[in-house]
C-alpha atoms as a PDB file:
ATOM      1  CA  UNK A   1     131.446 106.378 126.256  1.00  0.00           C
ATOM      2  CA  UNK A   2     132.580 106.267 122.649  1.00  0.00           C
ATOM      3  CA  UNK A   3     131.950 108.173 119.458  1.00  0.00           C
ATOM      4  CA  UNK A   4     129.917 106.404 116.810  1.00  0.00           C
ATOM      5  CA  UNK A   5     132.875 106.705 114.412  1.00  0.00           C
ATOM      6  CA  UNK A   6     135.105 104.677 116.721  1.00  0.00           C
ATOM      7  CA  UNK A   7     132.872 101.612 116.743  1.00  0.00           C
ATOM      8  CA  UNK A   8     134.128  98.496 115.001  1.00  0.00           C
ATOM      9  CA  UNK A   9     131.191  96.320 113.940  1.00  0.00           C
ATOM     10  CA  UNK A  10     129.307  95.109 110.912  1.00  0.00           C
ATOM     11  CA  UNK A  11     127.561  97.680 108.695  1.00  0.00           C
ATOM     12  CA  UNK A  12     124.115  98.509 109.976  1.00  0.00           C
ATOM     13  CA  UNK A  13     122.101  98.227 106.778  1.00  0.00           C
ATOM     14  CA  UNK A  14     118.729  99.993 106.677  1.00  0.00           C
ATOM     15  CA  UNK A  15     116.054 101.207 109.075  1.00  0.00           C
ATOM     16  CA  UNK A  16     112.374 101.728 108.263  1.00  0.00           C
ATOM     17  CA  UNK A  17     111.093 104.771 110.109  1.00  0.00           C
ATOM     18  CA  UNK A  18     107.427 103.834 110.332  1.00  0.00           C
ATOM     19  CA  UNK A  19     104.576 104.318 107.884  1.00  0.00           C
ATOM     20  CA  UNK A  20     104.493 102.264 104.670  1.00  0.00           C
ATOM     21  CA  UNK A  21     101.274 102.844 102.679  1.00  0.00           C
ATOM     22  CA  UNK A  22     100.580  99.322 101.469  1.00  0.00           C
ATOM     23  CA  UNK A  23      97.291  97.479 101.818  1.00  0.00           C
ATOM     24  CA  UNK A  24      97.905  96.014 105.277  1.00  0.00           C
ATOM     25  CA  UNK A  25     100.579  94.921 107.750  1.00  0.00           C
ATOM     26  CA  UNK A  26     101.120  91.566 106.044  1.00  0.00           C
ATOM     27  CA  UNK A  27     101.933  93.307 102.773  1.00  0.00           C
ATOM     28  CA  UNK A  28     104.425  95.546 104.600  1.00  0.00           C
ATOM     29  CA  UNK A  29     106.108  92.651 106.415  1.00  0.00           C
ATOM     30  CA  UNK A  30     106.400  90.570 103.243  1.00  0.00           C
ATOM     31  CA  UNK A  31     107.723  93.377 101.043  1.00  0.00           C
ATOM     32  CA  UNK A  32     110.244  94.581 103.628  1.00  0.00           C
ATOM     33  CA  UNK A  33     111.496  91.099 104.489  1.00  0.00           C
ATOM     34  CA  UNK A  34     111.790  90.081 100.842  1.00  0.00           C
ATOM     35  CA  UNK A  35     113.449  93.235  99.530  1.00  0.00           C
ATOM     36  CA  UNK A  36     115.720  94.067 102.471  1.00  0.00           C
ATOM     37  CA  UNK A  37     116.213  90.732 104.225  1.00  0.00           C
ATOM     38  CA  UNK A  38     119.240  90.693 106.527  1.00  0.00           C
ATOM     39  CA  UNK A  39     119.844  94.410 105.949  1.00  0.00           C
ATOM     40  CA  UNK A  40     116.840  95.135 108.165  1.00  0.00           C
ATOM     41  CA  UNK A  41     117.002  94.480 111.918  1.00  0.00           C
ATOM     42  CA  UNK A  42     113.411  95.498 112.682  1.00  0.00           C
ATOM     43  CA  UNK A  43     110.205  95.819 110.686  1.00  0.00           C
ATOM     44  CA  UNK A  44     107.297  98.147 111.560  1.00  0.00           C
ATOM     45  CA  UNK A  45     103.766  97.241 110.544  1.00  0.00           C
ATOM     46  CA  UNK A  46     103.581 100.248 108.218  1.00  0.00           C
ATOM     47  CA  UNK A  47     100.940 102.146 110.222  1.00  0.00           C
ATOM     48  CA  UNK A  48      98.496 101.295 107.461  1.00  0.00           C
ATOM     49  CA  UNK A  49      94.879 102.400 107.105  1.00  0.00           C
ATOM     50  CA  UNK A  50      93.777 105.285 109.308  1.00  0.00           C
ATOM     51  CA  UNK A  51      97.248 105.480 110.887  1.00  0.00           C
ATOM     52  CA  UNK A  52      98.994 106.391 107.614  1.00  0.00           C
ATOM     53  CA  UNK A  53      99.206 110.128 108.324  1.00  0.00           C
ATOM     54  CA  UNK A  54     101.095 109.787 111.610  1.00  0.00           C
ATOM     55  CA  UNK A  55      99.131 111.243 114.573  1.00  0.00           C
ATOM     56  CA  UNK A  56      96.248 112.820 112.693  1.00  0.00           C
ATOM     57  CA  UNK A  57      94.043 109.847 113.599  1.00  0.00           C
ATOM     58  CA  UNK A  58      94.292 110.956 117.235  1.00  0.00           C
ATOM     59  CA  UNK A  59      92.439 114.257 116.665  1.00  0.00           C
ATOM     60  CA  UNK A  60      88.948 112.692 116.447  1.00  0.00           C
ATOM     61  CA  UNK A  61      89.680 110.913 119.740  1.00  0.00           C
ATOM     62  CA  UNK A  62      90.381 114.229 121.468  1.00  0.00           C
ATOM     63  CA  UNK A  63      87.048 115.526 120.188  1.00  0.00           C
ATOM     64  CA  UNK A  64      85.317 112.750 122.166  1.00  0.00           C
ATOM     65  CA  UNK A  65      86.716 113.921 125.512  1.00  0.00           C
ATOM     66  CA  UNK A  66      83.978 115.589 127.562  1.00  0.00           C
ATOM     67  CA  UNK A  67      86.436 117.798 129.464  1.00  0.00           C
ATOM     68  CA  UNK A  68      87.674 119.436 126.239  1.00  0.00           C
ATOM     69  CA  UNK A  69      86.061 121.976 123.936  1.00  0.00           C
ATOM     70  CA  UNK A  70      87.158 123.760 120.794  1.00  0.00           C
ATOM     71  CA  UNK A  71      89.177 126.926 121.433  1.00  0.00           C
ATOM     72  CA  UNK A  72      87.863 129.017 118.543  1.00  0.00           C
ATOM     73  CA  UNK A  73      89.754 132.055 119.803  1.00  0.00           C
ATOM     74  CA  UNK A  74      93.108 130.231 119.662  1.00  0.00           C
ATOM     75  CA  UNK A  75      93.423 128.340 116.352  1.00  0.00           C
ATOM     76  CA  UNK A  76      96.739 126.607 115.743  1.00  0.00           C
ATOM     77  CA  UNK A  77      98.928 126.526 112.628  1.00  0.00           C
ATOM     78  CA  UNK A  78      97.499 123.087 111.730  1.00  0.00           C
ATOM     79  CA  UNK A  79      93.840 123.716 112.468  1.00  0.00           C
ATOM     80  CA  UNK A  80      91.463 124.064 115.453  1.00  0.00           C
ATOM     81  CA  UNK A  81      92.758 123.388 118.939  1.00  0.00           C
ATOM     82  CA  UNK A  82      91.118 122.248 122.154  1.00  0.00           C
ATOM     83  CA  UNK A  83      91.069 123.718 125.634  1.00  0.00           C
ATOM     84  CA  UNK A  84      89.832 122.478 128.996  1.00  0.00           C
ATOM     85  CA  UNK A  85      86.284 123.459 129.842  1.00  0.00           C
ATOM     86  CA  UNK A  86      86.030 125.929 132.690  1.00  0.00           C
ATOM     87  CA  UNK A  87      86.583 124.248 136.036  1.00  0.00           C
ATOM     88  CA  UNK A  88      87.489 120.876 134.511  1.00  0.00           C
ATOM     89  CA  UNK A  89      90.526 118.693 135.140  1.00  0.00           C
ATOM     90  CA  UNK A  90      91.548 115.627 133.141  1.00  0.00           C
ATOM     91  CA  UNK A  91      93.105 112.219 133.802  1.00  0.00           C
ATOM     92  CA  UNK A  92      93.925 109.157 131.710  1.00  0.00           C
ATOM     93  CA  UNK A  93      90.576 107.591 132.599  1.00  0.00           C
ATOM     94  CA  UNK A  94      88.811 110.478 130.830  1.00  0.00           C
ATOM     95  CA  UNK A  95      90.485 109.618 127.514  1.00  0.00           C
ATOM     96  CA  UNK A  96      89.404 106.935 125.042  1.00  0.00           C
ATOM     97  CA  UNK A  97      91.901 104.236 124.100  1.00  0.00           C
ATOM     98  CA  UNK A  98      94.525 105.649 121.761  1.00  0.00           C
ATOM     99  CA  UNK A  99      94.377 102.617 119.462  1.00  0.00           C
ATOM    100  CA  UNK A 100      98.123 102.026 119.489  1.00  0.00           C
ATOM    101  CA  UNK A 101      97.874  98.925 121.693  1.00  0.00           C
ATOM    102  CA  UNK A 102      95.144  97.312 119.596  1.00  0.00           C
ATOM    103  CA  UNK A 103      96.997  98.000 116.337  1.00  0.00           C
ATOM    104  CA  UNK A 104     100.264  96.605 117.713  1.00  0.00           C
ATOM    105  CA  UNK A 105      98.719  93.413 119.047  1.00  0.00           C
ATOM    106  CA  UNK A 106      96.820  92.788 115.819  1.00  0.00           C
ATOM    107  CA  UNK A 107      99.958  93.295 113.722  1.00  0.00           C
ATOM    108  CA  UNK A 108     102.044  91.153 116.081  1.00  0.00           C
ATOM    109  CA  UNK A 109      99.882  88.140 115.293  1.00  0.00           C
ATOM    110  CA  UNK A 110     100.643  88.607 111.594  1.00  0.00           C
ATOM    111  CA  UNK A 111     104.364  89.195 112.226  1.00  0.00           C
ATOM    112  CA  UNK A 112     104.603  86.118 114.439  1.00  0.00           C
ATOM    113  CA  UNK A 113     102.876  83.929 111.858  1.00  0.00           C
ATOM    114  CA  UNK A 114     105.133  85.124 109.043  1.00  0.00           C
ATOM    115  CA  UNK A 115     108.224  84.529 111.150  1.00  0.00           C
ATOM    116  CA  UNK A 116     106.999  80.995 111.894  1.00  0.00           C
ATOM    117  CA  UNK A 117     106.499  80.486 108.141  1.00  0.00           C
ATOM    118  CA  UNK A 118     110.064  81.625 107.453  1.00  0.00           C
ATOM    119  CA  UNK A 119     109.098  84.804 105.612  1.00  0.00           C
ATOM    120  CA  UNK A 120     110.732  86.991 108.286  1.00  0.00           C
ATOM    121  CA  UNK A 121     114.233  86.145 109.487  1.00  0.00           C
ATOM    122  CA  UNK A 122     114.514  84.714 113.028  1.00  0.00           C
ATOM    123  CA  UNK A 123     116.559  87.634 114.413  1.00  0.00           C
ATOM    124  CA  UNK A 124     114.273  90.372 113.061  1.00  0.00           C
ATOM    125  CA  UNK A 125     112.186  92.210 115.655  1.00  0.00           C
ATOM    126  CA  UNK A 126     108.691  93.666 115.455  1.00  0.00           C
ATOM    127  CA  UNK A 127     108.965  97.465 115.637  1.00  0.00           C
ATOM    128  CA  UNK A 128     106.166  99.440 117.293  1.00  0.00           C
ATOM    129  CA  UNK A 129     106.275 103.174 116.600  1.00  0.00           C
ATOM    130  CA  UNK A 130     104.671 105.467 119.173  1.00  0.00           C
ATOM    131  CA  UNK A 131     104.244 109.256 119.210  1.00  0.00           C
ATOM    132  CA  UNK A 132     105.457 111.305 122.124  1.00  0.00           C
ATOM    133  CA  UNK A 133     102.631 112.749 124.248  1.00  0.00           C
ATOM    134  CA  UNK A 134     104.117 116.199 123.644  1.00  0.00           C
ATOM    135  CA  UNK A 135     103.531 115.766 119.906  1.00  0.00           C
ATOM    136  CA  UNK A 136      99.859 114.877 120.220  1.00  0.00           C
ATOM    137  CA  UNK A 137      99.093 117.645 122.707  1.00  0.00           C
ATOM    138  CA  UNK A 138     101.117 120.533 121.283  1.00  0.00           C
ATOM    139  CA  UNK A 139      99.509 120.479 117.865  1.00  0.00           C
ATOM    140  CA  UNK A 140      95.893 120.300 119.037  1.00  0.00           C
ATOM    141  CA  UNK A 141      95.852 121.718 122.581  1.00  0.00           C
ATOM    142  CA  UNK A 142      96.212 125.403 123.576  1.00  0.00           C
ATOM    143  CA  UNK A 143      99.248 126.182 125.779  1.00  0.00           C
ATOM    144  CA  UNK A 144      97.215 126.757 128.953  1.00  0.00           C
ATOM    145  CA  UNK A 145      95.928 123.170 128.832  1.00  0.00           C
ATOM    146  CA  UNK A 146      98.936 121.411 127.315  1.00  0.00           C
ATOM    147  CA  UNK A 147     100.488 120.335 130.606  1.00  0.00           C
ATOM    148  CA  UNK A 148      97.329 118.725 131.986  1.00  0.00           C
ATOM    149  CA  UNK A 149      96.357 116.982 128.748  1.00  0.00           C
ATOM    150  CA  UNK A 150      99.918 115.848 128.065  1.00  0.00           C
ATOM    151  CA  UNK A 151     100.125 114.127 131.454  1.00  0.00           C
ATOM    152  CA  UNK A 152      96.766 112.416 130.977  1.00  0.00           C
ATOM    153  CA  UNK A 153      97.705 111.281 127.464  1.00  0.00           C
ATOM    154  CA  UNK A 154     101.101 110.051 128.640  1.00  0.00           C
ATOM    155  CA  UNK A 155      99.507 107.974 131.395  1.00  0.00           C
ATOM    156  CA  UNK A 156      97.055 106.508 128.871  1.00  0.00           C
ATOM    157  CA  UNK A 157      99.702 105.729 126.266  1.00  0.00           C
ATOM    158  CA  UNK A 158     102.156 104.215 128.748  1.00  0.00           C
ATOM    159  CA  UNK A 159      99.366 102.005 130.092  1.00  0.00           C
ATOM    160  CA  UNK A 160      98.823 100.706 126.563  1.00  0.00           C
ATOM    161  CA  UNK A 161     102.582 100.267 126.149  1.00  0.00           C
ATOM    162  CA  UNK A 162     102.588  98.122 129.293  1.00  0.00           C
ATOM    163  CA  UNK A 163      99.962  95.897 127.668  1.00  0.00           C
ATOM    164  CA  UNK A 164     102.076  95.629 124.500  1.00  0.00           C
ATOM    165  CA  UNK A 165     105.231  94.553 126.321  1.00  0.00           C
ATOM    166  CA  UNK A 166     103.247  92.083 128.399  1.00  0.00           C
ATOM    167  CA  UNK A 167     101.737  90.447 125.313  1.00  0.00           C
ATOM    168  CA  UNK A 168     104.790  90.336 123.007  1.00  0.00           C
ATOM    169  CA  UNK A 169     107.980  88.458 123.959  1.00  0.00           C
ATOM    170  CA  UNK A 170     110.725  90.931 124.859  1.00  0.00           C
ATOM    171  CA  UNK A 171     113.262  89.369 122.494  1.00  0.00           C
ATOM    172  CA  UNK A 172     110.851  89.911 119.585  1.00  0.00           C
ATOM    173  CA  UNK A 173     109.945  93.553 120.288  1.00  0.00           C
ATOM    174  CA  UNK A 174     111.364  97.013 119.584  1.00  0.00           C
ATOM    175  CA  UNK A 175     109.763 100.331 120.568  1.00  0.00           C
ATOM    176  CA  UNK A 176     110.437 103.555 118.662  1.00  0.00           C
ATOM    177  CA  UNK A 177     109.541 107.003 120.009  1.00  0.00           C
ATOM    178  CA  UNK A 178     108.696 109.333 117.106  1.00  0.00           C
ATOM    179  CA  UNK A 179     110.231 112.683 118.050  1.00  0.00           C
ATOM    180  CA  UNK A 180     109.260 115.431 115.609  1.00  0.00           C
ATOM    181  CA  UNK A 181     107.121 118.143 117.202  1.00  0.00           C
ATOM    182  CA  UNK A 182     109.855 118.528 119.817  1.00  0.00           C
ATOM    183  CA  UNK A 183     112.072 120.065 117.128  1.00  0.00           C
ATOM    184  CA  UNK A 184     109.330 122.520 116.170  1.00  0.00           C
ATOM    185  CA  UNK A 185     109.358 123.594 119.834  1.00  0.00           C
ATOM    186  CA  UNK A 186     113.167 123.734 119.921  1.00  0.00           C
ATOM    187  CA  UNK A 187     113.149 125.879 116.766  1.00  0.00           C
ATOM    188  CA  UNK A 188     110.615 128.274 118.326  1.00  0.00           C
ATOM    189  CA  UNK A 189     107.844 127.497 115.841  1.00  0.00           C
ATOM    190  CA  UNK A 190     105.122 126.445 118.307  1.00  0.00           C
ATOM    191  CA  UNK A 191     103.688 128.247 121.290  1.00  0.00           C
ATOM    192  CA  UNK A 192     104.199 126.046 124.309  1.00  0.00           C
ATOM    193  CA  UNK A 193     103.835 125.873 128.056  1.00  0.00           C
ATOM    194  CA  UNK A 194     107.302 124.254 128.254  1.00  0.00           C
ATOM    195  CA  UNK A 195     109.483 126.711 130.159  1.00  0.00           C
ATOM    196  CA  UNK A 196     112.991 125.551 129.190  1.00  0.00           C
ATOM    197  CA  UNK A 197     112.645 123.553 125.968  1.00  0.00           C
ATOM    198  CA  UNK A 198     115.871 121.569 125.607  1.00  0.00           C
ATOM    199  CA  UNK A 199     116.196 120.190 129.164  1.00  0.00           C
ATOM    200  CA  UNK A 200     112.428 119.819 129.527  1.00  0.00           C
ATOM    201  CA  UNK A 201     112.168 117.891 126.250  1.00  0.00           C
ATOM    202  CA  UNK A 202     115.116 115.717 127.227  1.00  0.00           C
ATOM    203  CA  UNK A 203     113.464 114.927 130.550  1.00  0.00           C
ATOM    204  CA  UNK A 204     110.337 113.799 128.708  1.00  0.00           C
ATOM    205  CA  UNK A 205     112.261 111.625 126.252  1.00  0.00           C
ATOM    206  CA  UNK A 206     114.219 110.009 129.066  1.00  0.00           C
ATOM    207  CA  UNK A 207     111.010 109.241 130.975  1.00  0.00           C
ATOM    208  CA  UNK A 208     109.486 107.615 127.910  1.00  0.00           C
ATOM    209  CA  UNK A 209     112.622 105.652 127.099  1.00  0.00           C
ATOM    210  CA  UNK A 210     113.145 104.398 130.625  1.00  0.00           C
ATOM    211  CA  UNK A 211     109.558 103.134 130.729  1.00  0.00           C
ATOM    212  CA  UNK A 212     110.473 100.489 128.147  1.00  0.00           C
ATOM    213  CA  UNK A 213     111.834  97.308 129.797  1.00  0.00           C
ATOM    214  CA  UNK A 214     115.561  96.853 129.255  1.00  0.00           C
ATOM    215  CA  UNK A 215     115.193  93.551 127.394  1.00  0.00           C
ATOM    216  CA  UNK A 216     112.966  95.256 124.794  1.00  0.00           C
ATOM    217  CA  UNK A 217     114.902  97.221 122.180  1.00  0.00           C
ATOM    218  CA  UNK A 218     114.215 100.964 122.146  1.00  0.00           C
ATOM    219  CA  UNK A 219     115.175 103.893 119.920  1.00  0.00           C
ATOM    220  CA  UNK A 220     114.209 107.382 118.804  1.00  0.00           C
ATOM    221  CA  UNK A 221     113.266 108.666 115.357  1.00  0.00           C
ATOM    222  CA  UNK A 222     114.312 112.341 115.340  1.00  0.00           C
ATOM    223  CA  UNK A 223     112.468 114.326 112.688  1.00  0.00           C
ATOM    224  CA  UNK A 224     111.826 117.805 111.272  1.00  0.00           C
ATOM    225  CA  UNK A 225     108.417 116.929 109.830  1.00  0.00           C
ATOM    226  CA  UNK A 226     107.160 115.708 106.456  1.00  0.00           C
ATOM    227  CA  UNK A 227     103.906 117.547 105.728  1.00  0.00           C
ATOM    228  CA  UNK A 228     103.635 117.603 101.908  1.00  0.00           C
ATOM    229  CA  UNK A 229     107.246 116.345 101.902  1.00  0.00           C
ATOM    230  CA  UNK A 230     108.437 119.563 103.538  1.00  0.00           C
ATOM    231  CA  UNK A 231     110.145 120.177 106.871  1.00  0.00           C
ATOM    232  CA  UNK A 232     108.424 122.658 109.164  1.00  0.00           C
ATOM    233  CA  UNK A 233     111.790 124.437 109.029  1.00  0.00           C
ATOM    234  CA  UNK A 234     114.974 123.388 107.304  1.00  0.00           C
ATOM    235  CA  UNK A 235     117.529 122.341 109.930  1.00  0.00           C
ATOM    236  CA  UNK A 236     120.627 124.525 109.731  1.00  0.00           C
ATOM    237  CA  UNK A 237     122.741 121.467 110.505  1.00  0.00           C
ATOM    238  CA  UNK A 238     122.655 118.379 112.714  1.00  0.00           C
ATOM    239  CA  UNK A 239     123.423 120.407 115.840  1.00  0.00           C
ATOM    240  CA  UNK A 240     120.046 120.159 117.590  1.00  0.00           C
ATOM    241  CA  UNK A 241     119.721 116.513 116.573  1.00  0.00           C
ATOM    242  CA  UNK A 242     123.122 115.720 118.074  1.00  0.00           C
ATOM    243  CA  UNK A 243     122.288 117.609 121.282  1.00  0.00           C
ATOM    244  CA  UNK A 244     119.140 115.537 121.820  1.00  0.00           C
ATOM    245  CA  UNK A 245     120.883 112.295 120.851  1.00  0.00           C
ATOM    246  CA  UNK A 246     123.735 112.963 123.262  1.00  0.00           C
ATOM    247  CA  UNK A 247     121.275 113.902 125.988  1.00  0.00           C
ATOM    248  CA  UNK A 248     119.302 110.673 125.788  1.00  0.00           C
ATOM    249  CA  UNK A 249     122.449 108.572 125.391  1.00  0.00           C
ATOM    250  CA  UNK A 250     123.910 110.065 128.565  1.00  0.00           C
ATOM    251  CA  UNK A 251     120.713 110.144 130.612  1.00  0.00           C
ATOM    252  CA  UNK A 252     118.933 106.841 129.994  1.00  0.00           C
ATOM    253  CA  UNK A 253     119.001 104.149 132.666  1.00  0.00           C
ATOM    254  CA  UNK A 254     118.654 101.490 129.965  1.00  0.00           C
ATOM    255  CA  UNK A 255     120.355 100.749 126.619  1.00  0.00           C
ATOM    256  CA  UNK A 256     119.670 103.067 123.696  1.00  0.00           C
ATOM    257  CA  UNK A 257     119.514 100.715 120.722  1.00  0.00           C
ATOM    258  CA  UNK A 258     119.237 103.216 117.883  1.00  0.00           C
ATOM    259  CA  UNK A 259     118.966 106.865 116.891  1.00  0.00           C
ATOM    260  CA  UNK A 260     117.652 108.057 113.537  1.00  0.00           C
ATOM    261  CA  UNK A 261     118.338 111.542 112.128  1.00  0.00           C
ATOM    262  CA  UNK A 262     117.044 113.239 108.955  1.00  0.00           C
ATOM    263  CA  UNK A 263     119.257 114.448 106.108  1.00  0.00           C
ATOM    264  CA  UNK A 264     117.600 116.948 103.717  1.00  0.00           C
ATOM    265  CA  UNK A 265     117.918 116.122 100.036  1.00  0.00           C
ATOM    266  CA  UNK A 266     119.924 119.250  99.210  1.00  0.00           C
ATOM    267  CA  UNK A 267     122.479 118.809 102.021  1.00  0.00           C
ATOM    268  CA  UNK A 268     125.641 117.024 100.996  1.00  0.00           C
ATOM    269  CA  UNK A 269     127.844 119.781 102.403  1.00  0.00           C
ATOM    270  CA  UNK A 270     130.229 119.367 105.329  1.00  0.00           C
ATOM    271  CA  UNK A 271     128.499 122.112 107.323  1.00  0.00           C
ATOM    272  CA  UNK A 272     125.331 120.054 107.749  1.00  0.00           C
ATOM    273  CA  UNK A 273     127.133 116.974 109.029  1.00  0.00           C
ATOM    274  CA  UNK A 274     129.916 118.635 111.046  1.00  0.00           C
ATOM    275  CA  UNK A 275     128.100 118.418 114.444  1.00  0.00           C
ATOM    276  CA  UNK A 276     128.121 114.620 114.066  1.00  0.00           C
ATOM    277  CA  UNK A 277     131.770 114.866 115.066  1.00  0.00           C
ATOM    278  CA  UNK A 278     130.508 115.672 118.571  1.00  0.00           C
ATOM    279  CA  UNK A 279     128.096 112.720 118.692  1.00  0.00           C
ATOM    280  CA  UNK A 280     128.654 110.540 121.743  1.00  0.00           C
ATOM    281  CA  UNK A 281     126.916 107.172 121.664  1.00  0.00           C
ATOM    282  CA  UNK A 282     127.472 103.994 123.627  1.00  0.00           C
ATOM    283  CA  UNK A 283     128.710 100.959 121.661  1.00  0.00           C
ATOM    284  CA  UNK A 284     125.273  99.321 121.541  1.00  0.00           C
ATOM    285  CA  UNK A 285     123.620 102.309 119.844  1.00  0.00           C
ATOM    286  CA  UNK A 286     123.046 102.155 116.092  1.00  0.00           C
ATOM    287  CA  UNK A 287     122.999 105.424 114.136  1.00  0.00           C
ATOM    288  CA  UNK A 288     120.772 105.695 111.066  1.00  0.00           C
ATOM    289  CA  UNK A 289     120.950 108.706 108.754  1.00  0.00           C
ATOM    290  CA  UNK A 290     117.865 109.530 106.685  1.00  0.00           C
ATOM    291  CA  UNK A 291     119.778 110.220 103.493  1.00  0.00           C
ATOM    292  CA  UNK A 292     117.747 107.990 101.151  1.00  0.00           C
ATOM    293  CA  UNK A 293     115.615 110.098  98.803  1.00  0.00           C
ATOM    294  CA  UNK A 294     113.679 108.460  96.000  1.00  0.00           C
ATOM    295  CA  UNK A 295     113.778 111.694  93.985  1.00  0.00           C
ATOM    296  CA  UNK A 296     117.541 111.491  93.406  1.00  0.00           C
ATOM    297  CA  UNK A 297     118.263 107.849  94.215  1.00  0.00           C
ATOM    298  CA  UNK A 298     121.811 106.541  94.250  1.00  0.00           C
ATOM    299  CA  UNK A 299     123.224 109.650  92.587  1.00  0.00           C
ATOM    300  CA  UNK A 300     122.082 111.783  95.523  1.00  0.00           C
ATOM    301  CA  UNK A 301     122.890 109.250  98.237  1.00  0.00           C
ATOM    302  CA  UNK A 302     126.562 108.921  97.295  1.00  0.00           C
ATOM    303  CA  UNK A 303     127.607 112.515  98.056  1.00  0.00           C
ATOM    304  CA  UNK A 304     125.489 112.578 101.235  1.00  0.00           C
ATOM    305  CA  UNK A 305     127.218 109.417 102.464  1.00  0.00           C
ATOM    306  CA  UNK A 306     130.621 110.831 101.564  1.00  0.00           C
ATOM    307  CA  UNK A 307     129.908 114.056 103.461  1.00  0.00           C
ATOM    308  CA  UNK A 308     128.633 112.178 106.521  1.00  0.00           C
ATOM    309  CA  UNK A 309     131.686 109.915 106.566  1.00  0.00           C
ATOM    310  CA  UNK A 310     133.928 112.900 107.150  1.00  0.00           C
ATOM    311  CA  UNK A 311     132.518 113.029 110.681  1.00  0.00           C
ATOM    312  CA  UNK A 312     131.065 109.580 111.457  1.00  0.00           C
ATOM    313  CA  UNK A 313     131.784 106.347 109.615  1.00  0.00           C
ATOM    314  CA  UNK A 314     129.550 103.800 111.321  1.00  0.00           C
ATOM    315  CA  UNK A 315     125.924 104.295 110.318  1.00  0.00           C
ATOM    316  CA  UNK A 316     123.018 102.733 108.513  1.00  0.00           C
ATOM    317  CA  UNK A 317     120.588 104.404 106.127  1.00  0.00           C
ATOM    318  CA  UNK A 318     116.926 105.356 106.088  1.00  0.00           C
ATOM    319  CA  UNK A 319     114.581 107.952 104.679  1.00  0.00           C
ATOM    320  CA  UNK A 320     114.005 111.181 106.595  1.00  0.00           C
ATOM    321  CA  UNK A 321     110.517 110.183 107.672  1.00  0.00           C
ATOM    322  CA  UNK A 322     107.894 107.504 107.083  1.00  0.00           C
ATOM    323  CA  UNK A 323     106.517 106.712 103.628  1.00  0.00           C
ATOM    324  CA  UNK A 324     102.878 107.334 104.510  1.00  0.00           C
ATOM    325  CA  UNK A 325     102.415 110.339 102.230  1.00  0.00           C
ATOM    326  CA  UNK A 326     103.777 108.521  99.161  1.00  0.00           C
ATOM    327  CA  UNK A 327     101.795 106.622  96.491  1.00  0.00           C
ATOM    328  CA  UNK A 328     101.699 102.899  97.248  1.00  0.00           C
ATOM    329  CA  UNK A 329     103.032 102.004  93.816  1.00  0.00           C
ATOM    330  CA  UNK A 330     106.350 103.737  94.593  1.00  0.00           C
ATOM    331  CA  UNK A 331     107.059 101.674  97.723  1.00  0.00           C
ATOM    332  CA  UNK A 332     108.692  98.569  96.173  1.00  0.00           C
ATOM    333  CA  UNK A 333     111.229 100.749  94.347  1.00  0.00           C
ATOM    334  CA  UNK A 334     111.866 102.767  97.513  1.00  0.00           C
ATOM    335  CA  UNK A 335     112.541  99.595  99.521  1.00  0.00           C
ATOM    336  CA  UNK A 336     114.890  98.381  96.782  1.00  0.00           C
ATOM    337  CA  UNK A 337     116.669 101.736  96.955  1.00  0.00           C
ATOM    338  CA  UNK A 338     117.239 101.241 100.700  1.00  0.00           C
ATOM    339  CA  UNK A 339     118.936  97.936  99.940  1.00  0.00           C
ATOM    340  CA  UNK A 340     121.023  99.399  97.130  1.00  0.00           C
ATOM    341  CA  UNK A 341     122.152 102.425  99.136  1.00  0.00           C
ATOM    342  CA  UNK A 342     122.985 100.279 102.182  1.00  0.00           C
ATOM    343  CA  UNK A 343     125.388  98.280 100.017  1.00  0.00           C
ATOM    344  CA  UNK A 344     127.501 101.430  99.664  1.00  0.00           C
ATOM    345  CA  UNK A 345     128.350 101.061 103.344  1.00  0.00           C
ATOM    346  CA  UNK A 346     129.824  97.547 103.024  1.00  0.00           C
END
């Protein structure tokens, strides 16, 4: 085991977290490949169309499930929640397709064509971003039913993941687990059936990660939310992020290819980054810090990079979360900013 700061390898460049609100996947692939080129090891399809607002497109699917009904007496902080009907149980076969498999396979055809045409570099992988089952169930399911629905949703999603890895060559694919609602649970902001949050969440993340074949790249996007460009709570520091990162690094039975962590715009102080000194990653794991903010550009990125380098010196850059809530016309400049900021690391 080694600290990220002790690694001796080429600078990591940039990482795109997920959503990119352009017209379609081809637009995302072309813009990212053209503006970031070799500084980008993987490209997501941008989660365009109905997928732009992360997991919100899953709520109408839950409403189709016959075993669920609206729990009017237990509304959640983000709207109505569902409960199991009296006497009902639920399995994966009761759920409609999530849509993640179909979207990935459709976008893969575009990615593959553009790589064949030379638009996308040969070594660049196709990145598929998936939500954790805990995220989907904890926001829209009451605590009494969370365990049952989470297991059914996990079985459904992992079945679709199996189809994705069967259809796409392993050396072309990367899977990212979007891990955000877990931090709302860890911060005590959501009511949950999870008895012991940190170890229970780690167990879930390890199960998801180990389901991905070892020859497919796999990483985690750790997040504190981005509703209206606001965290659900401001992280005091990187402590909880480091604890989860260390837990998955130590517990996985397969390589951990990358970890992404958010950096709030107003945090260029040593206190925020200090826990990174305790980060323990294997040599193959890339660390990306979400310190790129379009609102303060290079002027803001420089002090955040300097503060981070006091504790870890081998990292790439990213935004805190996906771009899905941003106007499409701002995306080219934001991609260019990723490239410009990443040059500070060379």
